[in-house]
Structures are given as C-alpha cells and as structure tokens.
Amino acid sequence: MSTKCAFTNTTPLGAYRGAGRPEANYYMERLVDTAAREMGIDQVELRRRNHIPPEAMPYKEPNGTTYDSGKFTNLLDKAVKLADWYGFPARKRQSQARGKLRGRGISDYLELTGPPGREMGGIRFEPNGDVTIITGTRPTSMYHAIVAIRRRGTVTKI
C-alpha cells in the first residue's frame, strides 16, 4: 500500500478531517478482503459474520465504547441489494467489451466521531420565560450556531 498526503493552509474547513482514520480504515478493509479471498469466503459474508447482532445490544467494546443499538447486517444487506452487488460480474464484462474498466469496493465502517462522554447538550427553562438550548459539541471544522430561543418568538444567535 502507499498513501500520498498533501498539506495546505488555503482551506478553512473540509468535508472530512480524519487524522488518518480514513486511511487506516482503507487498510483494514483491504485486510478483510484479503482474508476472505484466502479463506474462500465471500467478502460480504465475512463482514456479515463479524457484525454485532442486534440481540447483543447494548454491546460494550473492550475500549469502553457502548453501542446502544444497531442492525448492521440489515444495513449491509440493503446496500448490497441496492447496489446490485452480485450483478457486478455481468456489468464488468459489458464494460470490458466496450474497452472500459469497471471496479467495485465495499466498506463496513462505524466511527464514533466525537470523544466519548465529553460532549453534552441540554435545555434550560429560565425564570423569565426564556428557553436556552446549550450544546457542548465541537465543530471539528464544521460551522455550529448556538441559538437561544425565547418563548415570545424572537431568536437570538450567540
């Protein structure tokens, strides 16, 4: 594998700032594909076998993260169906007949995007009738507006 990196100071935000997570996930997914190929197992099936089943929820990982819900296999199966994953070989042959290349990839990735337990949110009802909405999320290069809403209908951005 090889990865190329580019640094810039010309953009204030990006679609994804991953600090290496996308690259690490790419390598992990390639390892899953290699394992499936070497074991003679369909790469989608190997991912299915490694899903946390819904009946195991809530599921606590060794690192302390708890998943409260999830139907990961249902989601994967729906994506496979919508993408006509198993119809790919025929589409690839059609493309080759026209002198075109066609590829496909799959990734089964779940990421906690904020530090666990360090963000909060709340609503406070003030004695004067105001309602204050509080968020402790960090913008991670995305814009967040914190808004206080008054019961009388005016909105104030802070």
N, C-alpha and C. Protein backbone atom coordinates (compact mmCIF):
# COMPACT_ATOMS: atom_id res chain seq x y z
N MET A 1 0.84 -1.17 0.00
CA MET A 1 0.00 0.00 0.00
C MET A 1 0.88 1.23 0.00
N SER A 2 0.38 2.27 -0.62
CA SER A 2 1.06 3.56 -0.49
C SER A 2 0.00 4.63 -0.36
N THR A 3 0.32 5.65 0.39
CA THR A 3 -0.59 6.75 0.63
C THR A 3 0.15 8.04 0.34
N LYS A 4 -0.50 8.97 -0.32
CA LYS A 4 0.08 10.28 -0.57
C LYS A 4 -0.66 11.29 0.27
N CYS A 5 0.05 12.20 0.85
CA CYS A 5 -0.55 13.25 1.68
C CYS A 5 -0.21 14.60 1.08
N ALA A 6 -1.13 15.52 1.22
CA ALA A 6 -0.90 16.89 0.79
C ALA A 6 -1.28 17.81 1.93
N PHE A 7 -0.51 18.83 2.15
CA PHE A 7 -0.79 19.80 3.20
C PHE A 7 -1.12 21.13 2.56
N THR A 8 -2.08 21.82 3.13
CA THR A 8 -2.44 23.14 2.63
C THR A 8 -2.92 24.01 3.78
N ASN A 9 -2.74 25.29 3.60
CA ASN A 9 -3.28 26.23 4.59
C ASN A 9 -4.29 27.15 3.92
N THR A 10 -4.82 26.73 2.78
CA THR A 10 -5.69 27.60 2.00
C THR A 10 -7.16 27.31 2.15
N THR A 11 -7.54 26.29 2.89
CA THR A 11 -8.95 25.99 3.05
C THR A 11 -9.31 25.98 4.53
N PRO A 12 -10.37 26.70 4.93
CA PRO A 12 -10.71 26.78 6.35
C PRO A 12 -11.39 25.54 6.89
N LEU A 13 -11.97 24.72 6.04
CA LEU A 13 -12.64 23.51 6.50
C LEU A 13 -12.69 22.51 5.37
N GLY A 14 -12.99 21.28 5.73
CA GLY A 14 -13.05 20.22 4.73
C GLY A 14 -14.25 19.33 4.97
N ALA A 15 -14.53 18.50 4.01
CA ALA A 15 -15.64 17.58 4.14
C ALA A 15 -15.37 16.55 5.22
N TYR A 16 -14.11 16.22 5.43
CA TYR A 16 -13.77 15.22 6.44
C TYR A 16 -12.34 15.46 6.89
N ARG A 17 -12.16 15.65 8.17
CA ARG A 17 -10.81 15.74 8.74
C ARG A 17 -10.64 14.50 9.57
N GLY A 18 -9.91 13.52 9.08
CA GLY A 18 -9.90 12.23 9.73
C GLY A 18 -8.69 11.89 10.56
N ALA A 19 -7.67 12.69 10.51
CA ALA A 19 -6.46 12.41 11.30
C ALA A 19 -5.99 10.98 11.07
N GLY A 20 -6.11 10.51 9.84
CA GLY A 20 -5.62 9.17 9.50
C GLY A 20 -6.65 8.07 9.56
N ARG A 21 -7.84 8.34 10.09
CA ARG A 21 -8.84 7.27 10.21
C ARG A 21 -9.29 6.73 8.86
N PRO A 22 -9.55 7.57 7.86
CA PRO A 22 -9.95 7.00 6.56
C PRO A 22 -8.89 6.09 5.98
N GLU A 23 -7.62 6.49 6.11
CA GLU A 23 -6.54 5.66 5.59
C GLU A 23 -6.45 4.35 6.36
N ALA A 24 -6.56 4.41 7.67
CA ALA A 24 -6.50 3.19 8.48
C ALA A 24 -7.66 2.27 8.15
N ASN A 25 -8.84 2.83 7.95
CA ASN A 25 -10.00 2.02 7.59
C ASN A 25 -9.80 1.36 6.23
N TYR A 26 -9.21 2.09 5.30
CA TYR A 26 -8.93 1.53 3.97
C TYR A 26 -8.05 0.28 4.11
N TYR A 27 -7.00 0.37 4.91
CA TYR A 27 -6.12 -0.78 5.08
C TYR A 27 -6.85 -1.94 5.75
N MET A 28 -7.68 -1.65 6.76
CA MET A 28 -8.43 -2.71 7.43
C MET A 28 -9.38 -3.41 6.46
N GLU A 29 -10.07 -2.63 5.64
CA GLU A 29 -11.00 -3.22 4.67
C GLU A 29 -10.25 -4.08 3.65
N ARG A 30 -9.08 -3.63 3.25
CA ARG A 30 -8.27 -4.44 2.32
C ARG A 30 -7.86 -5.76 2.98
N LEU A 31 -7.56 -5.71 4.28
CA LEU A 31 -7.21 -6.94 5.00
C LEU A 31 -8.40 -7.89 5.07
N VAL A 32 -9.60 -7.36 5.29
CA VAL A 32 -10.80 -8.20 5.31
C VAL A 32 -11.00 -8.85 3.95
N ASP A 33 -10.84 -8.07 2.87
CA ASP A 33 -10.97 -8.63 1.52
C ASP A 33 -9.93 -9.71 1.26
N THR A 34 -8.70 -9.48 1.70
CA THR A 34 -7.63 -10.47 1.51
C THR A 34 -7.94 -11.73 2.31
N ALA A 35 -8.39 -11.57 3.55
CA ALA A 35 -8.74 -12.73 4.38
C ALA A 35 -9.87 -13.53 3.73
N ALA A 36 -10.88 -12.85 3.22
CA ALA A 36 -12.00 -13.54 2.57
C ALA A 36 -11.50 -14.33 1.36
N ARG A 37 -10.67 -13.70 0.56
CA ARG A 37 -10.16 -14.36 -0.64
C ARG A 37 -9.33 -15.59 -0.26
N GLU A 38 -8.44 -15.43 0.73
CA GLU A 38 -7.57 -16.55 1.13
C GLU A 38 -8.35 -17.69 1.79
N MET A 39 -9.48 -17.37 2.45
CA MET A 39 -10.28 -18.41 3.09
C MET A 39 -11.38 -18.94 2.18
N GLY A 40 -11.51 -18.36 0.99
CA GLY A 40 -12.54 -18.80 0.06
C GLY A 40 -13.95 -18.42 0.51
N ILE A 41 -14.06 -17.28 1.23
CA ILE A 41 -15.36 -16.80 1.73
C ILE A 41 -15.70 -15.52 0.97
N ASP A 42 -16.97 -15.37 0.64
CA ASP A 42 -17.43 -14.14 0.00
C ASP A 42 -17.10 -12.97 0.92
N GLN A 43 -16.60 -11.87 0.35
CA GLN A 43 -16.17 -10.74 1.18
C GLN A 43 -17.34 -10.08 1.91
N VAL A 44 -18.52 -10.11 1.35
CA VAL A 44 -19.70 -9.58 2.06
C VAL A 44 -20.06 -10.51 3.21
N GLU A 45 -20.01 -11.81 2.98
CA GLU A 45 -20.34 -12.78 4.02
C GLU A 45 -19.37 -12.68 5.20
N LEU A 46 -18.10 -12.47 4.94
CA LEU A 46 -17.14 -12.34 6.04
C LEU A 46 -17.48 -11.12 6.90
N ARG A 47 -17.90 -10.05 6.27
CA ARG A 47 -18.33 -8.87 7.04
C ARG A 47 -19.58 -9.18 7.87
N ARG A 48 -20.53 -9.89 7.26
CA ARG A 48 -21.75 -10.27 8.00
C ARG A 48 -21.40 -11.05 9.26
N ARG A 49 -20.49 -12.00 9.11
CA ARG A 49 -20.10 -12.87 10.23
C ARG A 49 -19.49 -12.09 11.39
N ASN A 50 -18.97 -10.91 11.11
CA ASN A 50 -18.29 -10.14 12.14
C ASN A 50 -19.12 -8.99 12.69
N HIS A 51 -20.38 -8.90 12.30
CA HIS A 51 -21.26 -7.87 12.84
C HIS A 51 -21.68 -8.19 14.26
N ILE A 52 -21.91 -7.15 15.03
CA ILE A 52 -22.51 -7.32 16.36
C ILE A 52 -24.00 -7.53 16.11
N PRO A 53 -24.57 -8.66 16.56
CA PRO A 53 -26.00 -8.89 16.30
C PRO A 53 -26.89 -8.00 17.16
N PRO A 54 -28.08 -7.66 16.68
CA PRO A 54 -28.99 -6.80 17.44
C PRO A 54 -29.29 -7.33 18.84
N GLU A 55 -29.36 -8.64 18.99
CA GLU A 55 -29.69 -9.21 20.30
C GLU A 55 -28.54 -9.04 21.30
N ALA A 56 -27.36 -8.63 20.85
CA ALA A 56 -26.23 -8.40 21.75
C ALA A 56 -26.21 -6.96 22.28
N MET A 57 -27.18 -6.15 21.84
CA MET A 57 -27.22 -4.75 22.26
C MET A 57 -27.88 -4.61 23.62
N PRO A 58 -27.44 -3.72 24.46
CA PRO A 58 -26.29 -2.85 24.26
C PRO A 58 -24.99 -3.66 24.33
N TYR A 59 -24.04 -3.28 23.49
CA TYR A 59 -22.78 -4.01 23.38
C TYR A 59 -21.64 -3.11 23.83
N LYS A 60 -20.88 -3.57 24.79
CA LYS A 60 -19.76 -2.78 25.29
C LYS A 60 -18.46 -3.34 24.72
N GLU A 61 -17.72 -2.47 24.03
CA GLU A 61 -16.43 -2.87 23.46
C GLU A 61 -15.36 -2.88 24.54
N PRO A 62 -14.27 -3.60 24.31
CA PRO A 62 -13.18 -3.60 25.28
C PRO A 62 -12.62 -2.21 25.58
N ASN A 63 -12.75 -1.26 24.62
CA ASN A 63 -12.23 0.08 24.85
C ASN A 63 -13.18 0.96 25.65
N GLY A 64 -14.35 0.41 26.05
CA GLY A 64 -15.29 1.15 26.86
C GLY A 64 -16.45 1.76 26.10
N THR A 65 -16.38 1.80 24.77
CA THR A 65 -17.47 2.34 23.97
C THR A 65 -18.65 1.38 24.03
N THR A 66 -19.84 1.93 24.20
CA THR A 66 -21.04 1.11 24.23
C THR A 66 -21.92 1.48 23.05
N TYR A 67 -22.31 0.49 22.27
CA TYR A 67 -23.28 0.67 21.19
C TYR A 67 -24.65 0.33 21.77
N ASP A 68 -25.57 1.30 21.72
CA ASP A 68 -26.88 1.06 22.31
C ASP A 68 -27.84 0.36 21.36
N SER A 69 -27.55 0.41 20.06
CA SER A 69 -28.43 -0.23 19.09
C SER A 69 -27.68 -0.39 17.78
N GLY A 70 -28.29 -1.15 16.90
CA GLY A 70 -27.71 -1.31 15.57
C GLY A 70 -28.17 -2.60 14.93
N LYS A 71 -28.51 -2.49 13.66
CA LYS A 71 -28.85 -3.66 12.85
C LYS A 71 -27.93 -3.62 11.64
N PHE A 72 -26.66 -3.88 11.91
CA PHE A 72 -25.61 -3.70 10.92
C PHE A 72 -25.78 -4.62 9.72
N THR A 73 -26.18 -5.86 9.95
CA THR A 73 -26.35 -6.81 8.85
C THR A 73 -27.50 -6.37 7.95
N ASN A 74 -28.59 -5.88 8.54
CA ASN A 74 -29.70 -5.38 7.71
C ASN A 74 -29.24 -4.24 6.81
N LEU A 75 -28.46 -3.33 7.37
CA LEU A 75 -27.97 -2.19 6.59
C LEU A 75 -27.06 -2.66 5.46
N LEU A 76 -26.15 -3.58 5.77
CA LEU A 76 -25.25 -4.11 4.73
C LEU A 76 -26.05 -4.82 3.65
N ASP A 77 -27.01 -5.65 4.04
CA ASP A 77 -27.81 -6.38 3.05
C ASP A 77 -28.59 -5.43 2.14
N LYS A 78 -29.12 -4.35 2.71
CA LYS A 78 -29.85 -3.38 1.90
C LYS A 78 -28.90 -2.69 0.91
N ALA A 79 -27.72 -2.31 1.37
CA ALA A 79 -26.75 -1.67 0.48
C ALA A 79 -26.33 -2.61 -0.65
N VAL A 80 -26.09 -3.88 -0.31
CA VAL A 80 -25.69 -4.88 -1.32
C VAL A 80 -26.80 -5.03 -2.36
N LYS A 81 -28.05 -5.07 -1.91
CA LYS A 81 -29.18 -5.21 -2.83
C LYS A 81 -29.31 -3.98 -3.72
N LEU A 82 -29.30 -2.78 -3.11
CA LEU A 82 -29.46 -1.55 -3.88
C LEU A 82 -28.34 -1.36 -4.90
N ALA A 83 -27.15 -1.81 -4.56
CA ALA A 83 -26.01 -1.68 -5.47
C ALA A 83 -25.94 -2.81 -6.50
N ASP A 84 -26.86 -3.78 -6.40
CA ASP A 84 -26.80 -4.97 -7.25
C ASP A 84 -25.39 -5.55 -7.24
N TRP A 85 -24.89 -5.73 -6.03
CA TRP A 85 -23.51 -6.19 -5.82
C TRP A 85 -23.20 -7.45 -6.61
N TYR A 86 -24.10 -8.43 -6.57
CA TYR A 86 -23.81 -9.70 -7.22
C TYR A 86 -24.06 -9.67 -8.73
N GLY A 87 -24.62 -8.58 -9.23
CA GLY A 87 -24.76 -8.40 -10.68
C GLY A 87 -23.52 -7.76 -11.29
N PHE A 88 -22.54 -7.47 -10.47
CA PHE A 88 -21.34 -6.78 -10.94
C PHE A 88 -20.59 -7.52 -12.03
N PRO A 89 -20.36 -8.84 -11.93
CA PRO A 89 -19.57 -9.51 -12.98
C PRO A 89 -20.14 -9.28 -14.39
N ALA A 90 -21.45 -9.30 -14.53
CA ALA A 90 -22.05 -9.06 -15.85
C ALA A 90 -21.78 -7.63 -16.31
N ARG A 91 -21.90 -6.66 -15.41
CA ARG A 91 -21.63 -5.27 -15.78
C ARG A 91 -20.16 -5.08 -16.13
N LYS A 92 -19.29 -5.79 -15.44
CA LYS A 92 -17.86 -5.70 -15.72
C LYS A 92 -17.57 -6.23 -17.12
N ARG A 93 -18.17 -7.37 -17.49
CA ARG A 93 -17.97 -7.93 -18.83
C ARG A 93 -18.46 -6.97 -19.91
N GLN A 94 -19.63 -6.35 -19.67
CA GLN A 94 -20.16 -5.38 -20.63
C GLN A 94 -19.20 -4.20 -20.79
N SER A 95 -18.64 -3.74 -19.71
CA SER A 95 -17.70 -2.63 -19.77
C SER A 95 -16.44 -3.02 -20.53
N GLN A 96 -15.94 -4.22 -20.26
CA GLN A 96 -14.73 -4.69 -20.95
C GLN A 96 -14.98 -4.80 -22.45
N ALA A 97 -16.17 -5.22 -22.83
CA ALA A 97 -16.50 -5.33 -24.26
C ALA A 97 -16.45 -3.96 -24.94
N ARG A 98 -16.69 -2.90 -24.18
CA ARG A 98 -16.62 -1.54 -24.72
C ARG A 98 -15.26 -0.90 -24.49
N GLY A 99 -14.29 -1.68 -24.01
CA GLY A 99 -12.96 -1.16 -23.77
C GLY A 99 -12.85 -0.32 -22.50
N LYS A 100 -13.78 -0.49 -21.58
CA LYS A 100 -13.79 0.28 -20.34
C LYS A 100 -13.44 -0.62 -19.16
N LEU A 101 -12.92 0.02 -18.13
CA LEU A 101 -12.63 -0.68 -16.89
C LEU A 101 -13.74 -0.40 -15.88
N ARG A 102 -14.04 -1.35 -15.05
CA ARG A 102 -15.06 -1.17 -14.01
C ARG A 102 -14.56 -1.87 -12.75
N GLY A 103 -14.71 -1.21 -11.63
CA GLY A 103 -14.31 -1.80 -10.35
C GLY A 103 -15.39 -1.59 -9.32
N ARG A 104 -15.20 -2.21 -8.18
CA ARG A 104 -16.14 -2.03 -7.08
C ARG A 104 -15.40 -2.18 -5.76
N GLY A 105 -15.99 -1.65 -4.73
CA GLY A 105 -15.41 -1.76 -3.41
C GLY A 105 -16.51 -1.76 -2.37
N ILE A 106 -16.16 -2.22 -1.20
CA ILE A 106 -17.13 -2.27 -0.11
C ILE A 106 -16.40 -1.93 1.17
N SER A 107 -17.09 -1.24 2.04
CA SER A 107 -16.53 -0.90 3.34
C SER A 107 -17.65 -0.99 4.37
N ASP A 108 -17.35 -1.57 5.48
CA ASP A 108 -18.31 -1.77 6.56
C ASP A 108 -17.74 -1.08 7.78
N TYR A 109 -18.02 0.21 7.94
CA TYR A 109 -17.27 1.05 8.85
C TYR A 109 -18.20 1.81 9.77
N LEU A 110 -17.89 1.81 11.04
CA LEU A 110 -18.65 2.55 12.03
C LEU A 110 -17.65 3.37 12.83
N GLU A 111 -17.92 4.67 12.93
CA GLU A 111 -16.97 5.53 13.63
C GLU A 111 -17.69 6.42 14.61
N LEU A 112 -17.17 6.49 15.79
CA LEU A 112 -17.60 7.46 16.78
C LEU A 112 -16.84 8.74 16.46
N THR A 113 -17.55 9.81 16.13
CA THR A 113 -16.88 11.00 15.65
C THR A 113 -16.50 12.00 16.73
N GLY A 114 -17.00 11.83 17.90
CA GLY A 114 -16.64 12.73 19.00
C GLY A 114 -16.05 11.93 20.13
N PRO A 115 -15.33 12.57 21.01
CA PRO A 115 -14.77 11.82 22.13
C PRO A 115 -15.89 11.33 23.04
N PRO A 116 -15.89 10.05 23.42
CA PRO A 116 -16.99 9.52 24.22
C PRO A 116 -17.09 10.21 25.58
N GLY A 117 -18.32 10.59 25.92
CA GLY A 117 -18.58 11.16 27.23
C GLY A 117 -18.10 12.58 27.44
N ARG A 118 -17.62 13.24 26.41
CA ARG A 118 -17.08 14.59 26.61
C ARG A 118 -17.92 15.67 25.97
N GLU A 119 -19.04 15.32 25.41
CA GLU A 119 -19.92 16.31 24.81
C GLU A 119 -21.27 16.24 25.50
N MET A 120 -21.99 17.33 25.45
CA MET A 120 -23.27 17.36 26.14
C MET A 120 -24.23 18.27 25.39
N GLY A 121 -25.46 18.17 25.78
CA GLY A 121 -26.48 19.06 25.25
C GLY A 121 -27.56 19.21 26.31
N GLY A 122 -28.27 20.31 26.28
CA GLY A 122 -29.30 20.49 27.29
C GLY A 122 -30.24 21.63 26.95
N ILE A 123 -31.36 21.66 27.65
CA ILE A 123 -32.35 22.73 27.53
C ILE A 123 -32.57 23.27 28.94
N ARG A 124 -32.53 24.60 29.05
CA ARG A 124 -32.76 25.23 30.34
C ARG A 124 -33.93 26.20 30.22
N PHE A 125 -34.89 26.05 31.13
CA PHE A 125 -36.04 26.94 31.18
C PHE A 125 -35.74 28.02 32.20
N GLU A 126 -35.59 29.26 31.72
CA GLU A 126 -35.19 30.37 32.57
C GLU A 126 -36.40 30.93 33.33
N PRO A 127 -36.16 31.52 34.52
CA PRO A 127 -37.24 32.10 35.32
C PRO A 127 -38.04 33.18 34.59
N ASN A 128 -37.41 33.90 33.65
CA ASN A 128 -38.11 34.97 32.94
C ASN A 128 -38.91 34.46 31.74
N GLY A 129 -38.96 33.13 31.53
CA GLY A 129 -39.72 32.58 30.42
C GLY A 129 -38.89 32.21 29.22
N ASP A 130 -37.60 32.57 29.22
CA ASP A 130 -36.73 32.20 28.11
C ASP A 130 -36.43 30.70 28.16
N VAL A 131 -36.13 30.15 27.02
CA VAL A 131 -35.66 28.77 26.92
C VAL A 131 -34.27 28.85 26.30
N THR A 132 -33.28 28.27 26.96
CA THR A 132 -31.92 28.29 26.46
C THR A 132 -31.52 26.88 26.05
N ILE A 133 -31.04 26.75 24.82
CA ILE A 133 -30.54 25.46 24.32
C ILE A 133 -29.03 25.53 24.37
N ILE A 134 -28.43 24.53 25.00
CA ILE A 134 -26.98 24.53 25.19
C ILE A 134 -26.41 23.30 24.50
N THR A 135 -25.32 23.49 23.78
CA THR A 135 -24.63 22.35 23.17
C THR A 135 -23.15 22.43 23.50
N GLY A 136 -22.58 21.30 23.79
CA GLY A 136 -21.16 21.24 24.09
C GLY A 136 -20.38 20.55 23.00
N THR A 137 -20.99 20.40 21.83
CA THR A 137 -20.28 19.73 20.75
C THR A 137 -19.24 20.65 20.15
N ARG A 138 -18.20 20.06 19.67
CA ARG A 138 -17.16 20.82 18.99
C ARG A 138 -17.42 20.78 17.50
N PRO A 139 -17.10 21.84 16.78
CA PRO A 139 -17.44 21.89 15.36
C PRO A 139 -16.55 21.04 14.47
N THR A 140 -15.38 20.59 14.90
CA THR A 140 -14.45 19.82 14.08
C THR A 140 -14.40 20.32 12.64
N SER A 141 -14.15 21.60 12.51
CA SER A 141 -14.02 22.30 11.23
C SER A 141 -15.34 22.52 10.51
N MET A 142 -16.43 22.20 11.14
CA MET A 142 -17.74 22.48 10.57
C MET A 142 -18.36 23.61 11.39
N TYR A 143 -19.23 24.37 10.81
CA TYR A 143 -19.82 25.51 11.49
C TYR A 143 -20.98 25.07 12.37
N HIS A 144 -21.00 25.54 13.60
CA HIS A 144 -22.11 25.31 14.52
C HIS A 144 -22.64 26.67 14.97
N ALA A 145 -23.91 26.83 14.97
CA ALA A 145 -24.52 28.03 15.54
C ALA A 145 -25.19 27.65 16.84
N ILE A 146 -24.93 28.39 17.87
CA ILE A 146 -25.59 28.16 19.15
C ILE A 146 -26.73 29.17 19.22
N VAL A 147 -27.92 28.67 19.43
CA VAL A 147 -29.10 29.52 19.35
C VAL A 147 -29.85 29.47 20.68
N ALA A 148 -30.22 30.64 21.17
CA ALA A 148 -31.11 30.73 22.33
C ALA A 148 -32.47 31.14 21.80
N ILE A 149 -33.51 30.38 22.13
CA ILE A 149 -34.86 30.65 21.62
C ILE A 149 -35.71 31.17 22.77
N ARG A 150 -36.36 32.27 22.55
CA ARG A 150 -37.25 32.84 23.57
C ARG A 150 -38.67 32.39 23.27
N ARG A 151 -39.41 32.14 24.32
CA ARG A 151 -40.79 31.70 24.21
C ARG A 151 -41.65 32.73 23.47
N ARG A 152 -41.28 33.99 23.55
CA ARG A 152 -42.05 35.04 22.91
C ARG A 152 -41.82 35.08 21.40
N GLY A 153 -41.01 34.21 20.85
CA GLY A 153 -40.88 34.10 19.40
C GLY A 153 -39.64 34.71 18.80
N THR A 154 -38.84 35.47 19.57
CA THR A 154 -37.62 36.03 19.00
C THR A 154 -36.51 35.01 19.11
N VAL A 155 -35.58 35.03 18.18
CA VAL A 155 -34.46 34.10 18.18
C VAL A 155 -33.17 34.91 18.24
N THR A 156 -32.29 34.53 19.13
CA THR A 156 -31.02 35.22 19.28
C THR A 156 -29.89 34.23 19.04
N LYS A 157 -28.99 34.55 18.10
CA LYS A 157 -27.80 33.71 17.91
C LYS A 157 -26.70 34.23 18.81
N ILE A 158 -26.02 33.33 19.45
CA ILE A 158 -24.93 33.72 20.35
C ILE A 158 -23.61 33.41 19.68
